N, C-alpha and C. Protein backbone atom coordinates (compact mmCIF):
# COMPACT_ATOMS: atom_id res chain seq x y z
N UNK A 1 -28.75 -101.77 -41.46
CA UNK A 1 -27.92 -101.62 -40.28
C UNK A 1 -28.66 -100.74 -39.27
N UNK A 2 -28.82 -101.19 -38.04
CA UNK A 2 -29.56 -100.40 -37.05
C UNK A 2 -28.81 -99.15 -36.64
N UNK A 3 -29.56 -98.13 -36.29
CA UNK A 3 -28.97 -96.87 -35.85
C UNK A 3 -28.65 -96.96 -34.37
N UNK A 4 -27.38 -96.85 -34.03
CA UNK A 4 -26.95 -96.90 -32.63
C UNK A 4 -26.55 -95.51 -32.17
N UNK A 5 -27.19 -94.50 -32.68
CA UNK A 5 -26.88 -93.14 -32.28
C UNK A 5 -25.95 -92.41 -33.23
N UNK A 6 -25.39 -93.14 -34.21
CA UNK A 6 -24.49 -92.52 -35.17
C UNK A 6 -24.84 -93.06 -36.55
N UNK A 7 -24.91 -92.19 -37.51
CA UNK A 7 -25.08 -92.64 -38.88
C UNK A 7 -23.69 -92.72 -39.47
N UNK A 8 -23.06 -93.90 -39.44
CA UNK A 8 -21.65 -93.97 -39.79
C UNK A 8 -21.34 -94.84 -40.99
N UNK A 9 -22.32 -95.45 -41.61
CA UNK A 9 -21.97 -96.28 -42.76
C UNK A 9 -21.80 -95.41 -44.00
N UNK A 10 -21.12 -95.95 -45.01
CA UNK A 10 -20.85 -95.17 -46.23
C UNK A 10 -22.14 -94.87 -46.98
N UNK A 11 -22.24 -93.67 -47.43
CA UNK A 11 -23.43 -93.23 -48.15
C UNK A 11 -22.97 -92.38 -49.33
N UNK A 12 -23.25 -92.84 -50.53
CA UNK A 12 -22.85 -92.07 -51.71
C UNK A 12 -24.11 -91.67 -52.46
N UNK A 13 -24.66 -90.55 -52.06
CA UNK A 13 -25.83 -90.01 -52.73
C UNK A 13 -25.53 -88.55 -53.06
N UNK A 14 -25.97 -88.09 -54.19
CA UNK A 14 -25.68 -86.70 -54.56
C UNK A 14 -26.48 -85.71 -53.72
N UNK A 15 -25.93 -84.53 -53.58
CA UNK A 15 -26.66 -83.44 -52.93
C UNK A 15 -27.79 -83.05 -53.86
N UNK A 16 -28.97 -82.85 -53.30
CA UNK A 16 -30.14 -82.52 -54.10
C UNK A 16 -30.41 -81.02 -54.01
N UNK A 17 -30.19 -80.30 -55.09
CA UNK A 17 -30.48 -78.86 -55.12
C UNK A 17 -31.97 -78.70 -55.39
N UNK A 18 -32.65 -78.01 -54.48
CA UNK A 18 -34.09 -77.81 -54.57
C UNK A 18 -34.33 -76.33 -54.80
N UNK A 19 -34.41 -75.93 -56.04
CA UNK A 19 -34.65 -74.52 -56.36
C UNK A 19 -33.41 -73.67 -56.19
N UNK A 20 -33.60 -72.35 -56.24
CA UNK A 20 -32.46 -71.44 -56.26
C UNK A 20 -31.79 -71.23 -54.89
N UNK A 21 -32.42 -71.68 -53.80
CA UNK A 21 -31.84 -71.32 -52.51
C UNK A 21 -31.58 -72.47 -51.55
N UNK A 22 -32.13 -73.65 -51.76
CA UNK A 22 -32.00 -74.75 -50.80
C UNK A 22 -31.45 -75.99 -51.46
N UNK A 23 -30.59 -76.70 -50.71
CA UNK A 23 -30.10 -78.00 -51.15
C UNK A 23 -30.11 -78.94 -49.96
N UNK A 24 -30.36 -80.23 -50.22
CA UNK A 24 -30.37 -81.25 -49.19
C UNK A 24 -29.12 -82.10 -49.29
N UNK A 25 -28.49 -82.35 -48.14
CA UNK A 25 -27.33 -83.23 -48.07
C UNK A 25 -27.81 -84.52 -47.43
N UNK A 26 -27.85 -85.63 -48.19
CA UNK A 26 -28.35 -86.90 -47.64
C UNK A 26 -27.44 -87.44 -46.54
N UNK A 27 -28.06 -87.96 -45.50
CA UNK A 27 -27.37 -88.58 -44.38
C UNK A 27 -27.94 -89.99 -44.19
N UNK A 28 -27.29 -90.85 -43.45
CA UNK A 28 -27.82 -92.19 -43.22
C UNK A 28 -29.18 -92.19 -42.52
N UNK A 29 -29.88 -93.28 -42.66
CA UNK A 29 -31.15 -93.56 -41.98
C UNK A 29 -32.26 -92.57 -42.34
N UNK A 30 -32.21 -92.01 -43.55
CA UNK A 30 -33.28 -91.14 -44.01
C UNK A 30 -33.18 -89.70 -43.53
N UNK A 31 -32.14 -89.34 -42.82
CA UNK A 31 -31.97 -87.95 -42.39
C UNK A 31 -31.29 -87.15 -43.50
N UNK A 32 -31.38 -85.84 -43.39
CA UNK A 32 -30.69 -84.97 -44.34
C UNK A 32 -30.36 -83.65 -43.64
N UNK A 33 -29.33 -82.99 -44.12
CA UNK A 33 -28.99 -81.65 -43.66
C UNK A 33 -29.41 -80.68 -44.75
N UNK A 34 -29.72 -79.46 -44.37
CA UNK A 34 -30.14 -78.42 -45.31
C UNK A 34 -29.03 -77.38 -45.41
N UNK A 35 -28.67 -77.02 -46.65
CA UNK A 35 -27.68 -75.97 -46.88
C UNK A 35 -28.23 -75.00 -47.92
N UNK A 36 -27.58 -73.88 -48.07
CA UNK A 36 -27.89 -72.95 -49.15
C UNK A 36 -27.37 -73.57 -50.45
N UNK A 37 -28.13 -73.47 -51.51
CA UNK A 37 -27.75 -74.12 -52.77
C UNK A 37 -26.40 -73.62 -53.29
N UNK A 38 -26.02 -72.36 -53.01
CA UNK A 38 -24.74 -71.87 -53.50
C UNK A 38 -23.55 -72.52 -52.78
N UNK A 39 -23.78 -73.24 -51.68
CA UNK A 39 -22.71 -73.95 -51.00
C UNK A 39 -22.59 -75.41 -51.43
N UNK A 40 -23.47 -75.85 -52.32
CA UNK A 40 -23.47 -77.27 -52.73
C UNK A 40 -22.14 -77.69 -53.34
N UNK A 41 -21.51 -76.84 -54.12
CA UNK A 41 -20.23 -77.17 -54.72
C UNK A 41 -19.12 -77.33 -53.69
N UNK A 42 -19.11 -76.48 -52.66
CA UNK A 42 -18.10 -76.58 -51.60
C UNK A 42 -18.31 -77.80 -50.73
N UNK A 43 -19.56 -78.14 -50.49
CA UNK A 43 -19.88 -79.28 -49.63
C UNK A 43 -19.51 -80.58 -50.32
N UNK A 44 -19.70 -80.62 -51.63
CA UNK A 44 -19.28 -81.78 -52.42
C UNK A 44 -20.16 -83.00 -52.23
N UNK A 45 -19.70 -84.09 -52.80
CA UNK A 45 -20.49 -85.33 -52.77
C UNK A 45 -19.85 -86.36 -51.83
N UNK A 46 -19.00 -85.91 -50.95
CA UNK A 46 -18.35 -86.82 -50.02
C UNK A 46 -19.38 -87.46 -49.09
N UNK A 47 -19.02 -88.59 -48.55
CA UNK A 47 -19.93 -89.30 -47.64
C UNK A 47 -20.16 -88.51 -46.35
N UNK A 48 -21.32 -87.95 -46.22
CA UNK A 48 -21.70 -87.24 -45.01
C UNK A 48 -22.45 -88.20 -44.10
N UNK A 49 -22.25 -88.08 -42.82
CA UNK A 49 -23.01 -88.85 -41.84
C UNK A 49 -23.32 -87.91 -40.68
N UNK A 50 -23.73 -88.43 -39.56
CA UNK A 50 -24.05 -87.56 -38.44
C UNK A 50 -23.60 -88.19 -37.13
N UNK A 51 -23.47 -87.34 -36.12
CA UNK A 51 -23.23 -87.82 -34.77
C UNK A 51 -24.34 -87.24 -33.90
N UNK A 52 -24.55 -87.88 -32.77
CA UNK A 52 -25.61 -87.47 -31.85
C UNK A 52 -24.97 -86.99 -30.55
N UNK A 53 -25.31 -85.79 -30.12
CA UNK A 53 -24.82 -85.26 -28.85
C UNK A 53 -25.45 -86.07 -27.72
N UNK A 54 -24.63 -86.66 -26.88
CA UNK A 54 -25.11 -87.54 -25.81
C UNK A 54 -25.97 -86.81 -24.78
N UNK A 55 -25.71 -85.53 -24.54
CA UNK A 55 -26.46 -84.78 -23.53
C UNK A 55 -27.82 -84.31 -24.01
N UNK A 56 -27.91 -83.93 -25.28
CA UNK A 56 -29.15 -83.30 -25.76
C UNK A 56 -29.89 -84.11 -26.83
N UNK A 57 -29.20 -85.03 -27.46
CA UNK A 57 -29.82 -85.79 -28.54
C UNK A 57 -29.79 -85.09 -29.89
N UNK A 58 -29.15 -83.93 -29.96
CA UNK A 58 -29.06 -83.18 -31.22
C UNK A 58 -28.16 -83.91 -32.20
N UNK A 59 -28.54 -83.89 -33.48
CA UNK A 59 -27.74 -84.51 -34.54
C UNK A 59 -26.94 -83.42 -35.26
N UNK A 60 -25.68 -83.73 -35.58
CA UNK A 60 -24.80 -82.82 -36.30
C UNK A 60 -24.22 -83.53 -37.50
N UNK A 61 -24.31 -82.92 -38.68
CA UNK A 61 -23.75 -83.50 -39.90
C UNK A 61 -22.24 -83.34 -39.90
N UNK A 62 -21.54 -84.41 -40.30
CA UNK A 62 -20.08 -84.36 -40.34
C UNK A 62 -19.56 -85.35 -41.36
N UNK A 63 -18.27 -85.25 -41.65
CA UNK A 63 -17.62 -86.20 -42.54
C UNK A 63 -16.19 -86.40 -42.08
N UNK A 64 -15.60 -87.48 -42.49
CA UNK A 64 -14.19 -87.75 -42.20
C UNK A 64 -13.37 -87.23 -43.36
N UNK A 65 -12.29 -86.53 -43.05
CA UNK A 65 -11.39 -86.00 -44.07
C UNK A 65 -9.96 -86.39 -43.71
N UNK A 66 -9.08 -86.49 -44.71
CA UNK A 66 -7.68 -86.84 -44.43
C UNK A 66 -7.04 -85.81 -43.50
N UNK A 67 -6.25 -86.30 -42.58
CA UNK A 67 -5.57 -85.44 -41.62
C UNK A 67 -4.22 -85.01 -42.17
N UNK A 68 -3.82 -83.78 -41.89
CA UNK A 68 -2.55 -83.25 -42.38
C UNK A 68 -1.38 -83.89 -41.62
N UNK A 69 -1.53 -84.08 -40.30
CA UNK A 69 -0.45 -84.68 -39.53
C UNK A 69 -0.45 -86.19 -39.74
N UNK A 70 0.69 -86.82 -39.53
CA UNK A 70 0.80 -88.26 -39.74
C UNK A 70 0.37 -89.05 -38.51
N UNK A 71 0.10 -88.38 -37.40
CA UNK A 71 -0.29 -89.07 -36.18
C UNK A 71 -1.66 -89.73 -36.35
N UNK A 72 -2.51 -89.14 -37.13
CA UNK A 72 -3.86 -89.67 -37.35
C UNK A 72 -4.13 -89.70 -38.85
N UNK A 73 -4.87 -90.70 -39.29
CA UNK A 73 -5.14 -90.82 -40.73
C UNK A 73 -6.29 -89.94 -41.18
N UNK A 74 -7.24 -89.66 -40.28
CA UNK A 74 -8.35 -88.80 -40.66
C UNK A 74 -8.88 -88.03 -39.47
N UNK A 75 -9.61 -86.99 -39.77
CA UNK A 75 -10.22 -86.16 -38.74
C UNK A 75 -11.66 -85.88 -39.15
N UNK A 76 -12.41 -85.29 -38.26
CA UNK A 76 -13.82 -85.02 -38.50
C UNK A 76 -14.00 -83.56 -38.91
N UNK A 77 -14.82 -83.32 -39.92
CA UNK A 77 -15.16 -81.96 -40.33
C UNK A 77 -16.67 -81.80 -40.22
N UNK A 78 -17.08 -80.83 -39.42
CA UNK A 78 -18.51 -80.56 -39.21
C UNK A 78 -19.04 -79.73 -40.38
N UNK A 79 -20.24 -80.05 -40.84
CA UNK A 79 -20.83 -79.35 -41.98
C UNK A 79 -21.00 -77.86 -41.70
N UNK A 80 -21.48 -77.51 -40.51
CA UNK A 80 -21.69 -76.09 -40.22
C UNK A 80 -20.37 -75.30 -40.22
N UNK A 81 -19.26 -75.96 -39.85
CA UNK A 81 -17.95 -75.29 -39.91
C UNK A 81 -17.46 -75.11 -41.34
N UNK A 82 -17.85 -76.01 -42.24
CA UNK A 82 -17.48 -75.86 -43.65
C UNK A 82 -18.28 -74.73 -44.31
N UNK A 83 -19.55 -74.65 -43.98
CA UNK A 83 -20.43 -73.63 -44.58
C UNK A 83 -20.02 -72.23 -44.13
N UNK A 84 -19.79 -72.04 -42.84
CA UNK A 84 -19.41 -70.74 -42.30
C UNK A 84 -18.04 -70.93 -41.66
N UNK A 85 -17.00 -70.58 -42.38
CA UNK A 85 -15.64 -70.86 -41.92
C UNK A 85 -15.35 -70.18 -40.59
N UNK A 86 -14.62 -70.90 -39.74
CA UNK A 86 -14.28 -70.39 -38.40
C UNK A 86 -13.45 -69.12 -38.46
N UNK A 87 -13.71 -68.24 -37.49
CA UNK A 87 -12.88 -67.06 -37.28
C UNK A 87 -12.09 -67.32 -36.00
N UNK A 88 -10.90 -66.79 -35.91
CA UNK A 88 -10.06 -66.99 -34.73
C UNK A 88 -10.80 -66.56 -33.47
N UNK A 89 -10.80 -67.42 -32.46
CA UNK A 89 -11.43 -67.11 -31.19
C UNK A 89 -12.93 -67.36 -31.14
N UNK A 90 -13.51 -67.79 -32.25
CA UNK A 90 -14.95 -68.04 -32.30
C UNK A 90 -15.23 -69.42 -32.89
N UNK A 91 -16.39 -69.92 -32.61
CA UNK A 91 -16.89 -71.15 -33.22
C UNK A 91 -18.14 -70.82 -33.99
N UNK A 92 -18.53 -71.74 -34.84
CA UNK A 92 -19.78 -71.57 -35.56
C UNK A 92 -20.90 -72.18 -34.71
N UNK A 93 -21.96 -71.43 -34.52
CA UNK A 93 -23.07 -71.81 -33.65
C UNK A 93 -24.37 -71.79 -34.45
N UNK A 94 -25.28 -72.70 -34.13
CA UNK A 94 -26.62 -72.70 -34.74
C UNK A 94 -27.50 -71.72 -33.96
N UNK A 95 -28.12 -70.80 -34.64
CA UNK A 95 -29.04 -69.88 -33.97
C UNK A 95 -30.20 -70.65 -33.36
N UNK A 96 -30.76 -71.57 -34.14
CA UNK A 96 -31.85 -72.41 -33.65
C UNK A 96 -31.26 -73.78 -33.35
N UNK A 97 -30.94 -74.00 -32.10
CA UNK A 97 -30.28 -75.24 -31.69
C UNK A 97 -31.21 -76.44 -31.80
N UNK A 98 -32.48 -76.20 -31.99
CA UNK A 98 -33.42 -77.30 -32.20
C UNK A 98 -33.35 -77.82 -33.64
N UNK A 99 -32.67 -77.06 -34.53
CA UNK A 99 -32.52 -77.47 -35.94
C UNK A 99 -31.03 -77.52 -36.29
N UNK A 100 -30.33 -78.47 -35.68
CA UNK A 100 -28.88 -78.56 -35.86
C UNK A 100 -28.48 -79.12 -37.23
N UNK A 101 -29.42 -79.72 -37.96
CA UNK A 101 -29.11 -80.17 -39.31
C UNK A 101 -29.43 -79.09 -40.35
N UNK A 102 -29.90 -77.93 -39.90
CA UNK A 102 -30.13 -76.79 -40.78
C UNK A 102 -28.84 -75.97 -40.80
N UNK A 103 -28.04 -76.17 -41.84
CA UNK A 103 -26.74 -75.50 -41.95
C UNK A 103 -26.76 -74.40 -42.99
N UNK A 104 -27.92 -73.77 -43.16
CA UNK A 104 -27.99 -72.60 -44.03
C UNK A 104 -27.36 -71.42 -43.29
N UNK A 105 -26.77 -70.52 -44.03
CA UNK A 105 -26.07 -69.39 -43.43
C UNK A 105 -26.98 -68.56 -42.52
N UNK A 106 -28.27 -68.50 -42.82
CA UNK A 106 -29.21 -67.74 -41.99
C UNK A 106 -29.38 -68.34 -40.60
N UNK A 107 -29.05 -69.63 -40.44
CA UNK A 107 -29.18 -70.29 -39.14
C UNK A 107 -27.84 -70.43 -38.42
N UNK A 108 -26.79 -69.84 -38.97
CA UNK A 108 -25.46 -69.96 -38.37
C UNK A 108 -24.94 -68.58 -37.98
N UNK A 109 -24.09 -68.56 -36.96
CA UNK A 109 -23.47 -67.32 -36.50
C UNK A 109 -22.17 -67.67 -35.76
N UNK A 110 -21.35 -66.66 -35.55
CA UNK A 110 -20.13 -66.84 -34.77
C UNK A 110 -20.45 -66.64 -33.30
N UNK A 111 -19.85 -67.48 -32.45
CA UNK A 111 -20.07 -67.37 -31.02
C UNK A 111 -18.81 -67.80 -30.28
N UNK A 112 -18.58 -67.19 -29.12
CA UNK A 112 -17.49 -67.67 -28.28
C UNK A 112 -18.01 -68.85 -27.46
N UNK A 113 -17.14 -69.50 -26.72
CA UNK A 113 -17.53 -70.71 -25.98
C UNK A 113 -18.67 -70.43 -25.00
N UNK A 114 -18.59 -69.31 -24.30
CA UNK A 114 -19.63 -68.95 -23.33
C UNK A 114 -20.99 -68.78 -24.01
N UNK A 115 -21.00 -68.14 -25.18
CA UNK A 115 -22.26 -67.95 -25.90
C UNK A 115 -22.81 -69.28 -26.41
N UNK A 116 -21.94 -70.18 -26.81
CA UNK A 116 -22.40 -71.49 -27.26
C UNK A 116 -23.03 -72.27 -26.12
N UNK A 117 -22.45 -72.18 -24.95
CA UNK A 117 -22.96 -72.92 -23.79
C UNK A 117 -24.37 -72.46 -23.44
N UNK A 118 -24.63 -71.16 -23.46
CA UNK A 118 -25.97 -70.68 -23.07
C UNK A 118 -27.01 -70.98 -24.15
N UNK A 119 -26.56 -71.32 -25.35
CA UNK A 119 -27.49 -71.64 -26.44
C UNK A 119 -27.80 -73.14 -26.50
N UNK A 120 -27.36 -73.92 -25.52
CA UNK A 120 -27.62 -75.36 -25.54
C UNK A 120 -29.04 -75.68 -25.12
N UNK A 121 -29.52 -76.81 -25.63
CA UNK A 121 -30.83 -77.31 -25.23
C UNK A 121 -30.76 -77.83 -23.79
N UNK A 122 -31.92 -78.02 -23.19
CA UNK A 122 -31.91 -78.62 -21.86
C UNK A 122 -31.41 -80.06 -21.98
N UNK A 123 -30.78 -80.53 -20.94
CA UNK A 123 -30.19 -81.86 -20.93
C UNK A 123 -31.27 -82.94 -20.89
N UNK A 124 -30.92 -84.11 -21.42
CA UNK A 124 -31.84 -85.25 -21.38
C UNK A 124 -32.16 -85.67 -19.96
N UNK A 125 -31.24 -85.40 -19.04
CA UNK A 125 -31.42 -85.82 -17.64
C UNK A 125 -32.28 -84.84 -16.85
N UNK A 126 -32.74 -83.77 -17.47
CA UNK A 126 -33.56 -82.77 -16.80
C UNK A 126 -34.85 -83.43 -16.30
N UNK A 127 -35.17 -83.24 -15.02
CA UNK A 127 -36.36 -83.87 -14.44
C UNK A 127 -37.53 -82.91 -14.26
N UNK A 128 -37.27 -81.60 -14.31
CA UNK A 128 -38.37 -80.64 -14.12
C UNK A 128 -39.14 -80.39 -15.40
N UNK A 129 -38.47 -80.62 -16.55
CA UNK A 129 -39.08 -80.30 -17.83
C UNK A 129 -38.76 -78.88 -18.28
N UNK A 130 -38.08 -78.12 -17.43
CA UNK A 130 -37.74 -76.73 -17.74
C UNK A 130 -36.24 -76.52 -17.58
N UNK A 131 -35.66 -75.80 -18.51
CA UNK A 131 -34.24 -75.48 -18.43
C UNK A 131 -34.00 -74.54 -17.26
N UNK A 132 -32.94 -74.80 -16.49
CA UNK A 132 -32.59 -73.94 -15.37
C UNK A 132 -33.39 -74.15 -14.11
N UNK A 133 -34.21 -75.21 -14.07
CA UNK A 133 -35.08 -75.45 -12.92
C UNK A 133 -34.86 -76.87 -12.39
N UNK A 134 -34.73 -76.98 -11.07
CA UNK A 134 -34.62 -78.30 -10.45
C UNK A 134 -35.31 -78.29 -9.09
N UNK A 135 -35.60 -79.47 -8.60
CA UNK A 135 -36.25 -79.62 -7.30
C UNK A 135 -35.18 -79.67 -6.22
N UNK A 136 -35.27 -78.76 -5.26
CA UNK A 136 -34.34 -78.76 -4.12
C UNK A 136 -34.98 -79.60 -3.02
N UNK A 137 -34.41 -80.79 -2.81
CA UNK A 137 -35.03 -81.77 -1.91
C UNK A 137 -35.13 -81.26 -0.47
N UNK A 138 -34.06 -80.66 0.05
CA UNK A 138 -34.06 -80.22 1.45
C UNK A 138 -35.09 -79.11 1.69
N UNK A 139 -35.18 -78.18 0.76
CA UNK A 139 -36.12 -77.06 0.92
C UNK A 139 -37.53 -77.44 0.49
N UNK A 140 -37.65 -78.55 -0.26
CA UNK A 140 -38.93 -79.00 -0.81
C UNK A 140 -39.58 -77.90 -1.66
N UNK A 141 -38.74 -77.24 -2.43
CA UNK A 141 -39.20 -76.18 -3.33
C UNK A 141 -38.48 -76.34 -4.66
N UNK A 142 -38.95 -75.59 -5.64
CA UNK A 142 -38.29 -75.56 -6.94
C UNK A 142 -37.26 -74.44 -6.93
N UNK A 143 -36.10 -74.71 -7.47
CA UNK A 143 -35.01 -73.74 -7.49
C UNK A 143 -34.70 -73.38 -8.94
N UNK A 144 -34.41 -72.11 -9.18
CA UNK A 144 -34.00 -71.65 -10.51
C UNK A 144 -32.56 -71.17 -10.42
N UNK A 145 -31.78 -71.51 -11.46
CA UNK A 145 -30.40 -71.06 -11.53
C UNK A 145 -30.04 -70.81 -12.98
N UNK A 146 -29.02 -69.97 -13.17
CA UNK A 146 -28.58 -69.66 -14.53
C UNK A 146 -27.06 -69.55 -14.51
N UNK A 147 -26.42 -69.92 -15.60
CA UNK A 147 -24.98 -69.79 -15.72
C UNK A 147 -24.62 -68.44 -16.31
N UNK A 148 -23.70 -67.74 -15.65
CA UNK A 148 -23.23 -66.44 -16.11
C UNK A 148 -21.71 -66.42 -15.99
N UNK A 149 -21.02 -66.27 -17.12
CA UNK A 149 -19.55 -66.23 -17.15
C UNK A 149 -18.94 -67.42 -16.43
N UNK A 150 -19.49 -68.60 -16.66
CA UNK A 150 -18.94 -69.82 -16.09
C UNK A 150 -19.29 -70.06 -14.63
N UNK A 151 -20.14 -69.24 -14.06
CA UNK A 151 -20.53 -69.40 -12.65
C UNK A 151 -22.04 -69.55 -12.55
N UNK A 152 -22.48 -70.27 -11.51
CA UNK A 152 -23.92 -70.42 -11.28
C UNK A 152 -24.44 -69.22 -10.48
N UNK A 153 -25.56 -68.70 -10.94
CA UNK A 153 -26.25 -67.64 -10.22
C UNK A 153 -27.60 -68.21 -9.82
N UNK A 154 -27.83 -68.31 -8.50
CA UNK A 154 -29.10 -68.84 -8.01
C UNK A 154 -30.14 -67.73 -8.01
N UNK A 155 -31.31 -68.06 -8.54
CA UNK A 155 -32.35 -67.05 -8.71
C UNK A 155 -33.43 -67.14 -7.64
N UNK A 156 -33.38 -68.17 -6.81
CA UNK A 156 -34.32 -68.28 -5.71
C UNK A 156 -35.09 -69.58 -5.69
N UNK A 157 -35.89 -69.73 -4.63
CA UNK A 157 -36.76 -70.88 -4.44
C UNK A 157 -38.19 -70.47 -4.77
N UNK A 158 -38.94 -71.40 -5.35
CA UNK A 158 -40.30 -71.10 -5.80
C UNK A 158 -41.23 -72.26 -5.45
N UNK A 159 -42.50 -71.92 -5.26
CA UNK A 159 -43.49 -72.95 -4.92
C UNK A 159 -43.81 -73.86 -6.09
N UNK A 160 -43.72 -73.34 -7.31
CA UNK A 160 -44.01 -74.16 -8.49
C UNK A 160 -42.85 -74.10 -9.47
N UNK A 161 -42.72 -75.13 -10.26
CA UNK A 161 -41.65 -75.14 -11.26
C UNK A 161 -41.91 -74.10 -12.36
N UNK A 162 -43.17 -73.76 -12.59
CA UNK A 162 -43.51 -72.74 -13.59
C UNK A 162 -43.01 -71.37 -13.16
N UNK A 163 -43.13 -71.05 -11.86
CA UNK A 163 -42.63 -69.77 -11.36
C UNK A 163 -41.10 -69.73 -11.42
N UNK A 164 -40.47 -70.84 -11.13
CA UNK A 164 -39.00 -70.92 -11.21
C UNK A 164 -38.55 -70.72 -12.66
N UNK A 165 -39.27 -71.34 -13.58
CA UNK A 165 -38.92 -71.22 -15.00
C UNK A 165 -39.12 -69.78 -15.49
N UNK A 166 -40.15 -69.13 -15.01
CA UNK A 166 -40.38 -67.72 -15.38
C UNK A 166 -39.20 -66.86 -14.93
N UNK A 167 -38.68 -67.12 -13.75
CA UNK A 167 -37.51 -66.39 -13.26
C UNK A 167 -36.29 -66.69 -14.13
N UNK A 168 -36.13 -67.95 -14.53
CA UNK A 168 -35.01 -68.32 -15.39
C UNK A 168 -35.10 -67.58 -16.74
N UNK A 169 -36.29 -67.54 -17.32
CA UNK A 169 -36.48 -66.89 -18.62
C UNK A 169 -36.14 -65.40 -18.56
N UNK A 170 -36.56 -64.73 -17.50
CA UNK A 170 -36.26 -63.30 -17.34
C UNK A 170 -34.75 -63.10 -17.20
N UNK A 171 -34.11 -63.95 -16.42
CA UNK A 171 -32.66 -63.83 -16.23
C UNK A 171 -31.92 -64.14 -17.53
N UNK A 172 -32.40 -65.12 -18.30
CA UNK A 172 -31.76 -65.46 -19.57
C UNK A 172 -31.80 -64.29 -20.54
N UNK A 173 -32.90 -63.57 -20.53
CA UNK A 173 -33.01 -62.40 -21.40
C UNK A 173 -31.99 -61.33 -21.00
N UNK A 174 -31.81 -61.14 -19.71
CA UNK A 174 -30.88 -60.13 -19.21
C UNK A 174 -29.43 -60.55 -19.45
N UNK A 175 -29.08 -61.77 -19.05
CA UNK A 175 -27.68 -62.21 -19.07
C UNK A 175 -27.21 -62.78 -20.40
N UNK A 176 -28.11 -63.41 -21.16
CA UNK A 176 -27.69 -64.11 -22.36
C UNK A 176 -28.10 -63.43 -23.66
N UNK A 177 -29.02 -62.50 -23.62
CA UNK A 177 -29.41 -61.74 -24.80
C UNK A 177 -29.82 -62.61 -25.98
N UNK A 178 -29.29 -62.30 -27.16
CA UNK A 178 -29.69 -63.03 -28.37
C UNK A 178 -29.29 -64.49 -28.36
N UNK A 179 -28.37 -64.90 -27.48
CA UNK A 179 -27.92 -66.29 -27.44
C UNK A 179 -28.74 -67.14 -26.47
N UNK A 180 -29.71 -66.54 -25.81
CA UNK A 180 -30.47 -67.29 -24.81
C UNK A 180 -31.24 -68.44 -25.44
N UNK A 181 -31.31 -69.50 -24.72
CA UNK A 181 -32.10 -70.67 -25.10
C UNK A 181 -32.87 -71.05 -23.85
N UNK A 182 -34.18 -71.01 -23.91
CA UNK A 182 -34.98 -71.29 -22.73
C UNK A 182 -35.71 -72.62 -22.79
N UNK A 183 -35.51 -73.38 -23.84
CA UNK A 183 -36.17 -74.69 -23.94
C UNK A 183 -35.14 -75.79 -24.13
């Protein structure tokens, strides 16, 4: 079955415990998620698959589980949320957003919505190649901007996209701290 952006067919393969600290959760099309071996029992042998974020192309491991309400027969459970249970007011976030199938506790943390947003990868539609940088057509210069508390902060116009990106990186360190993602 061809991959159309989702690994959604049934897959019944056991979790493979590799040594004392790592286990692999098989996913469709040859992909796998990584978990800590001590979580293998909680994760179980249920059919895990993945979804692809349309904006970034990141893959996230998930499974369908029975829904408690009668309005829907099933709901989606994300692997990273099972490994690190949600706390009220926070979501589970991947520290390294480039490794979204790495669901080991060392790669997960609690984050509020604002912190999750700043930890996102650059969008697929990005044309400059740099996060936070775009070409301002009227000024014929490169512009840098950063999101802070849900608002855009413009960092200025630059002759090169590299200089604009340098400004973005400095601002990300100041405004986003440990949650900054510059790539």
